[in-house]
Amino acid sequence: MLFNLRRGVPLVLILSSSLRGGAADFERAQEQYQRTDYAGAIDILLTYSPKSAGVNALIGKSYYMDGQYKSSANYLEKAVADDPFNSSYFDWLGKAYGRRAEQSSFLKALPLAVKTRESFERAAALDAANLEALGDLFEFYLQAPAIIGGGVDKAEAIALRIGQLSEPESHYVRARLAEKRKKFPEAETEYRKASEAAPLDAGRVVDLATFLSNQGRYAESDELFEMADQTAPFSPRVMFARASAYVRSRRKPAEAERLLQRYSELPHTPDDPPRAEVALLMQKLR
C-alpha cells in the first residue's frame, strides 16, 4: 500500500533553546526533505542537541522515506513521547511499524502489527479530521486478520467517518470494501464515482485503471492510464502506478522498466512513491 505524505512539521515545535541547530537549520532540513534529499535532511537534524518533538518527527519521516524503517520508528517514538497529542506523529509511527512488520519474521511481525494498529487508532482518536490517519486505519482494518485487530466491520465504521470528510475518498473506501467482498461490479461503480467527484485528480483515474488491470481488463486499464498521463504529464505517481500494474499482471516488462527508469530521472516530492519502493519493483522485474 502506498501512503500520501502531505503534512510538514510546524515551526512552532522547534526548540529555540537548542544548543545546536535552530530555525534556519530546520527550514533548510525541511527544504531538503521536500526535495526528497532525505539523507541531507537527516544530516542537518542529527546535529540538534537536545532534539524537540518536531525535530525527531522530521528525522523519523526522513528515515521512513529513505527506507530505514527501524531508525524511523526509533525517532518517531521519541516524537510521540515528547508530544503525545500529535495525531500526525502517531500516524507516521504507525506507518513505520507497519513497514517493519512487513519485513519481519512471523513471530516478530505480530507485535509490530499490533503497534501499527494502536498507533493508527491513537492518531484517528486525536484528530477526527485527520483524513490521512483515518485512511491508514481503514486500510489496516481492511487487510489485517482478526488476530491482530483487523476486520471488515471495523473498516466499514471508519469508512463512514471518512465519508463525512471527503466525497472522493468516501467512494474510494466504498470501492475498497466492495473489492474486499468480491463485489466487483459495485467496486467498479464506486471507483468511477470517485473519479467523477474529482475530475482533475489523476490519482482517481489511476485507482480505476489499477482495479481494471487486476480484473484482467488490460485494454480498458491501459486507456485509463493514458488518460491519467494526459491529465498529469510526467507525474512520477502515475508512472509508478502504471509500472506496478504491469509488474503485477506480468506483462510489458520492458515498458515497466522504461517507466521506472523515467521515474528515477524526474524531480520528486514526498507525495511521490519513495525510491526504496521503486527499487523493490525493479527487483521484481529481474
Protein backbone atom coordinates (compact mmCIF):
# COMPACT_ATOMS: atom_id res chain seq x y z
CA MET A 1 0.00 0.00 0.00
CA LEU A 2 1.18 3.40 -0.96
CA PHE A 3 0.74 6.24 1.66
CA ASN A 4 0.12 10.08 0.89
CA LEU A 5 2.58 12.36 2.61
CA ARG A 6 1.36 15.93 2.71
CA ARG A 7 1.93 17.43 6.13
CA GLY A 8 5.11 19.15 7.25
CA VAL A 9 6.26 19.80 10.81
CA PRO A 10 5.14 23.17 12.25
CA LEU A 11 7.95 25.58 13.00
CA VAL A 12 6.45 26.34 16.40
CA LEU A 13 7.66 22.93 17.53
CA ILE A 14 11.30 23.85 17.09
CA LEU A 15 13.22 24.34 20.31
CA SER A 16 14.65 27.82 20.12
CA SER A 17 16.90 26.92 23.04
CA SER A 18 18.67 24.09 21.18
CA LEU A 19 22.36 24.03 21.92
CA ARG A 20 22.96 23.24 18.26
CA GLY A 21 20.61 23.84 15.37
CA GLY A 22 17.94 26.49 15.06
CA ALA A 23 15.07 27.77 12.94
CA ALA A 24 17.23 28.42 9.87
CA ASP A 25 18.71 24.92 10.01
CA PHE A 26 15.26 23.40 10.47
CA GLU A 27 13.91 25.29 7.45
CA ARG A 28 16.89 24.07 5.45
CA ALA A 29 16.18 20.48 6.55
CA GLN A 30 12.54 20.88 5.54
CA GLU A 31 13.66 22.10 2.13
CA GLN A 32 15.91 19.05 1.77
CA TYR A 33 13.00 16.82 2.74
CA GLN A 34 10.69 18.44 0.19
CA ARG A 35 13.36 17.90 -2.48
CA THR A 36 13.48 14.24 -1.34
CA ASP A 37 17.08 14.62 -0.19
CA TYR A 38 16.28 12.66 2.94
CA ALA A 39 19.91 11.90 3.81
CA GLY A 40 20.66 15.62 3.64
CA ALA A 41 17.76 16.42 5.97
CA ILE A 42 18.90 13.76 8.44
CA ASP A 43 22.48 15.06 8.44
CA ILE A 44 21.26 18.53 9.40
CA LEU A 45 18.80 17.39 12.06
CA LEU A 46 21.10 14.94 13.82
CA THR A 47 23.27 17.89 14.91
CA TYR A 48 20.46 19.20 17.14
CA SER A 49 21.03 18.76 20.85
CA PRO A 50 18.61 18.48 22.53
CA LYS A 51 16.05 17.49 19.91
CA SER A 52 12.44 18.71 20.03
CA ALA A 53 9.45 16.55 19.12
CA GLY A 54 9.32 18.32 15.74
CA VAL A 55 12.96 17.58 15.00
CA ASN A 56 12.62 13.92 15.98
CA ALA A 57 9.48 13.63 13.86
CA LEU A 58 11.16 15.03 10.77
CA ILE A 59 14.15 12.73 11.30
CA GLY A 60 11.74 9.80 11.59
CA LYS A 61 9.86 10.82 8.44
CA SER A 62 13.13 11.20 6.55
CA TYR A 63 14.35 7.77 7.62
CA TYR A 64 10.96 6.32 6.60
CA MET A 65 11.12 7.84 3.13
CA ASP A 66 14.68 6.57 2.82
CA GLY A 67 13.52 3.03 3.57
CA GLN A 68 15.18 2.81 7.01
CA TYR A 69 12.13 1.82 8.98
CA LYS A 70 13.74 0.76 12.28
CA SER A 71 15.52 4.10 12.61
CA SER A 72 12.31 5.83 11.57
CA ALA A 73 10.32 4.15 14.34
CA ASN A 74 13.01 4.95 16.92
CA TYR A 75 12.82 8.69 16.27
CA LEU A 76 9.05 8.79 15.90
CA GLU A 77 8.73 7.03 19.26
CA LYS A 78 10.71 9.92 20.73
CA ALA A 79 8.45 12.42 18.95
CA VAL A 80 5.22 10.95 20.37
CA ALA A 81 6.78 10.65 23.82
CA ASP A 82 7.51 14.39 23.78
CA ASP A 83 4.20 15.34 22.13
CA PRO A 84 1.62 12.64 22.94
CA PHE A 85 -1.29 14.63 21.48
CA ASN A 86 0.01 15.00 17.94
CA SER A 87 -2.13 12.94 15.57
CA SER A 88 0.31 13.18 12.65
CA TYR A 89 3.23 11.84 14.68
CA PHE A 90 1.25 8.77 15.73
CA ASP A 91 0.14 8.18 12.15
CA TRP A 92 3.75 8.25 10.93
CA LEU A 93 4.78 5.95 13.76
CA GLY A 94 2.10 3.50 12.65
CA LYS A 95 3.44 3.63 9.10
CA ALA A 96 6.96 2.86 10.33
CA TYR A 97 5.80 -0.06 12.49
CA GLY A 98 3.78 -1.38 9.56
CA ARG A 99 6.77 -1.40 7.24
CA ARG A 100 8.88 -3.11 9.89
CA ALA A 101 6.19 -5.76 10.31
CA GLU A 102 6.18 -6.40 6.55
CA GLN A 103 9.91 -7.08 6.63
CA SER A 104 9.97 -9.22 9.78
CA SER A 105 9.54 -12.90 10.54
CA PHE A 106 6.08 -14.04 11.63
CA LEU A 107 6.84 -14.01 15.36
CA LYS A 108 8.39 -10.52 15.24
CA ALA A 109 5.75 -9.20 12.87
CA LEU A 110 2.81 -9.87 15.21
CA PRO A 111 3.74 -7.41 17.99
CA LEU A 112 4.78 -4.83 15.38
CA ALA A 113 1.43 -5.20 13.65
CA VAL A 114 -0.35 -4.62 16.97
CA LYS A 115 1.74 -1.48 17.49
CA THR A 116 0.79 -0.39 13.98
CA ARG A 117 -2.90 -0.68 14.78
CA GLU A 118 -2.57 1.03 18.13
CA SER A 119 -0.67 3.95 16.60
CA PHE A 120 -3.22 4.43 13.80
CA GLU A 121 -6.08 4.20 16.29
CA ARG A 122 -4.42 6.80 18.51
CA ALA A 123 -3.85 9.10 15.52
CA ALA A 124 -7.51 8.83 14.48
CA ALA A 125 -8.70 9.42 18.04
CA LEU A 126 -6.57 12.53 18.50
CA ASP A 127 -7.85 14.23 15.35
CA ALA A 128 -11.20 13.17 13.92
CA ALA A 129 -10.49 15.22 10.77
CA ASN A 130 -7.09 13.66 10.02
CA LEU A 131 -8.06 12.05 6.73
CA GLU A 132 -4.62 10.52 6.25
CA ALA A 133 -4.75 8.77 9.62
CA LEU A 134 -8.30 7.57 9.00
CA GLY A 135 -7.24 6.22 5.62
CA ASP A 136 -4.31 4.34 7.13
CA LEU A 137 -6.51 2.89 9.88
CA PHE A 138 -9.13 1.88 7.30
CA GLU A 139 -6.55 0.01 5.23
CA PHE A 140 -5.18 -1.72 8.33
CA TYR A 141 -8.63 -2.92 9.41
CA LEU A 142 -9.45 -3.98 5.85
CA GLN A 143 -6.28 -6.00 5.28
CA ALA A 144 -5.23 -7.29 8.70
CA PRO A 145 -6.50 -10.58 10.17
CA ALA A 146 -8.71 -10.57 13.24
CA ILE A 147 -5.89 -11.95 15.42
CA ILE A 148 -4.18 -8.55 15.33
CA GLY A 149 -7.34 -6.46 15.38
CA GLY A 150 -8.37 -6.29 11.74
CA GLY A 151 -11.88 -6.74 10.41
CA VAL A 152 -14.08 -5.60 7.55
CA ASP A 153 -16.75 -4.44 10.01
CA LYS A 154 -14.20 -2.14 11.66
CA ALA A 155 -13.10 -0.86 8.26
CA GLU A 156 -16.72 -0.10 7.40
CA ALA A 157 -17.09 2.01 10.55
CA ILE A 158 -14.02 4.06 9.58
CA ALA A 159 -15.38 4.39 6.04
CA LEU A 160 -18.44 6.15 7.48
CA ARG A 161 -16.19 8.66 9.22
CA ILE A 162 -14.21 9.23 6.02
CA GLY A 163 -17.45 9.78 4.14
CA GLN A 164 -18.21 12.78 6.35
CA LEU A 165 -14.93 14.43 5.32
CA SER A 166 -14.45 13.81 1.59
CA GLU A 167 -16.76 12.69 -1.22
CA PRO A 168 -13.99 11.24 -3.45
CA GLU A 169 -12.44 9.39 -0.50
CA SER A 170 -15.88 8.15 0.52
CA HIS A 171 -16.37 6.50 -2.88
CA TYR A 172 -12.81 5.16 -2.80
CA VAL A 173 -13.20 3.38 0.55
CA ARG A 174 -16.57 2.01 -0.54
CA ALA A 175 -14.83 0.62 -3.62
CA ARG A 176 -12.16 -0.98 -1.45
CA LEU A 177 -14.83 -2.57 0.76
CA ALA A 178 -16.72 -3.93 -2.25
CA GLU A 179 -13.49 -5.27 -3.72
CA LYS A 180 -12.66 -6.99 -0.44
CA ARG A 181 -16.10 -8.65 -0.52
CA LYS A 182 -15.53 -9.64 -4.16
CA LYS A 183 -18.44 -7.47 -5.29
CA PHE A 184 -16.50 -6.32 -8.33
CA PRO A 185 -19.27 -4.55 -10.29
CA GLU A 186 -20.07 -2.49 -7.18
CA ALA A 187 -16.37 -1.74 -6.69
CA GLU A 188 -16.04 -0.54 -10.28
CA THR A 189 -19.05 1.76 -9.85
CA GLU A 190 -17.55 3.32 -6.75
CA TYR A 191 -14.12 3.80 -8.35
CA ARG A 192 -15.83 5.58 -11.25
CA LYS A 193 -17.80 7.78 -8.85
CA ALA A 194 -14.59 8.70 -7.03
CA SER A 195 -13.05 9.75 -10.34
CA GLU A 196 -16.15 11.76 -11.29
CA ALA A 197 -16.11 13.52 -7.92
CA ALA A 198 -12.50 14.69 -8.51
CA PRO A 199 -12.15 15.06 -12.31
CA LEU A 200 -8.81 16.88 -12.10
CA ASP A 201 -7.22 14.28 -9.83
CA ALA A 202 -5.22 11.84 -11.95
CA GLY A 203 -4.85 9.61 -8.90
CA ARG A 204 -8.55 8.72 -9.05
CA VAL A 205 -8.19 7.64 -12.68
CA VAL A 206 -5.14 5.59 -11.66
CA ASP A 207 -7.19 3.84 -8.94
CA LEU A 208 -9.76 2.76 -11.53
CA ALA A 209 -7.07 1.76 -14.03
CA THR A 210 -5.33 -0.35 -11.40
CA PHE A 211 -8.59 -2.04 -10.44
CA LEU A 212 -9.36 -2.92 -14.07
CA SER A 213 -5.84 -4.25 -14.56
CA ASN A 214 -6.29 -6.50 -11.52
CA GLN A 215 -9.51 -7.76 -13.17
CA GLY A 216 -7.63 -8.64 -16.34
CA ARG A 217 -9.30 -5.86 -18.35
CA TYR A 218 -5.99 -4.67 -19.73
CA ALA A 219 -7.14 -2.68 -22.75
CA GLU A 220 -9.51 -0.55 -20.64
CA SER A 221 -6.85 -0.19 -17.97
CA ASP A 222 -4.20 0.99 -20.42
CA GLU A 223 -6.63 3.53 -21.90
CA LEU A 224 -7.23 4.98 -18.45
CA PHE A 225 -3.53 5.11 -17.67
CA GLU A 226 -3.10 7.10 -20.90
CA MET A 227 -5.86 9.44 -19.72
CA ALA A 228 -4.14 9.88 -16.35
CA ASP A 229 -0.87 10.64 -18.13
CA GLN A 230 -2.60 13.35 -20.16
CA THR A 231 -4.18 14.83 -17.03
CA ALA A 232 -0.86 14.87 -15.16
CA PRO A 233 2.01 14.72 -17.70
CA PHE A 234 5.33 13.48 -16.31
CA SER A 235 3.72 12.55 -12.99
CA PRO A 236 6.00 10.17 -11.05
CA ARG A 237 2.96 8.76 -9.24
CA VAL A 238 1.21 7.86 -12.49
CA MET A 239 4.38 6.27 -13.88
CA PHE A 240 4.90 4.22 -10.73
CA ALA A 241 1.29 3.04 -10.60
CA ARG A 242 1.35 2.02 -14.25
CA ALA A 243 4.63 0.15 -13.85
CA SER A 244 3.22 -1.56 -10.74
CA ALA A 245 0.16 -2.70 -12.68
CA TYR A 246 2.36 -4.16 -15.41
CA VAL A 247 4.53 -5.98 -12.88
CA ARG A 248 1.55 -7.44 -11.02
CA SER A 249 -0.07 -8.63 -14.25
CA ARG A 250 3.27 -9.96 -15.54
CA ARG A 251 3.07 -8.14 -18.83
CA LYS A 252 5.00 -5.45 -20.67
CA PRO A 253 8.19 -5.85 -18.56
CA ALA A 254 10.22 -3.64 -20.92
CA GLU A 255 7.63 -0.86 -20.67
CA ALA A 256 7.52 -1.21 -16.88
CA GLU A 257 11.30 -0.88 -16.71
CA ARG A 258 11.19 2.15 -19.01
CA LEU A 259 8.59 3.83 -16.79
CA LEU A 260 10.62 3.18 -13.63
CA GLN A 261 13.76 4.48 -15.28
CA ARG A 262 11.90 7.60 -16.34
CA TYR A 263 10.58 7.91 -12.80
CA SER A 264 14.12 7.98 -11.43
CA GLU A 265 15.05 10.83 -13.77
CA LEU A 266 12.23 13.16 -12.72
CA PRO A 267 12.13 15.58 -9.79
CA HIS A 268 10.11 14.25 -6.88
CA THR A 269 8.21 15.39 -3.82
CA PRO A 270 7.42 13.45 -0.63
CA ASP A 271 3.94 12.81 -2.10
CA ASP A 272 5.52 10.52 -4.70
CA PRO A 273 6.37 6.86 -4.01
CA PRO A 274 9.76 6.60 -2.27
CA ARG A 275 12.73 5.47 -4.31
CA ALA A 276 13.06 2.47 -1.99
CA GLU A 277 9.71 1.18 -3.32
CA VAL A 278 10.84 1.81 -6.89
CA ALA A 279 13.97 -0.26 -6.22
CA LEU A 280 11.82 -3.15 -4.90
CA LEU A 281 9.68 -3.02 -8.01
CA MET A 282 12.77 -3.07 -10.21
CA GLN A 283 13.95 -6.20 -8.40
CA LYS A 284 10.69 -7.97 -9.31
CA LEU A 285 11.42 -7.31 -12.99
CA ARG A 286 14.73 -9.15 -12.82
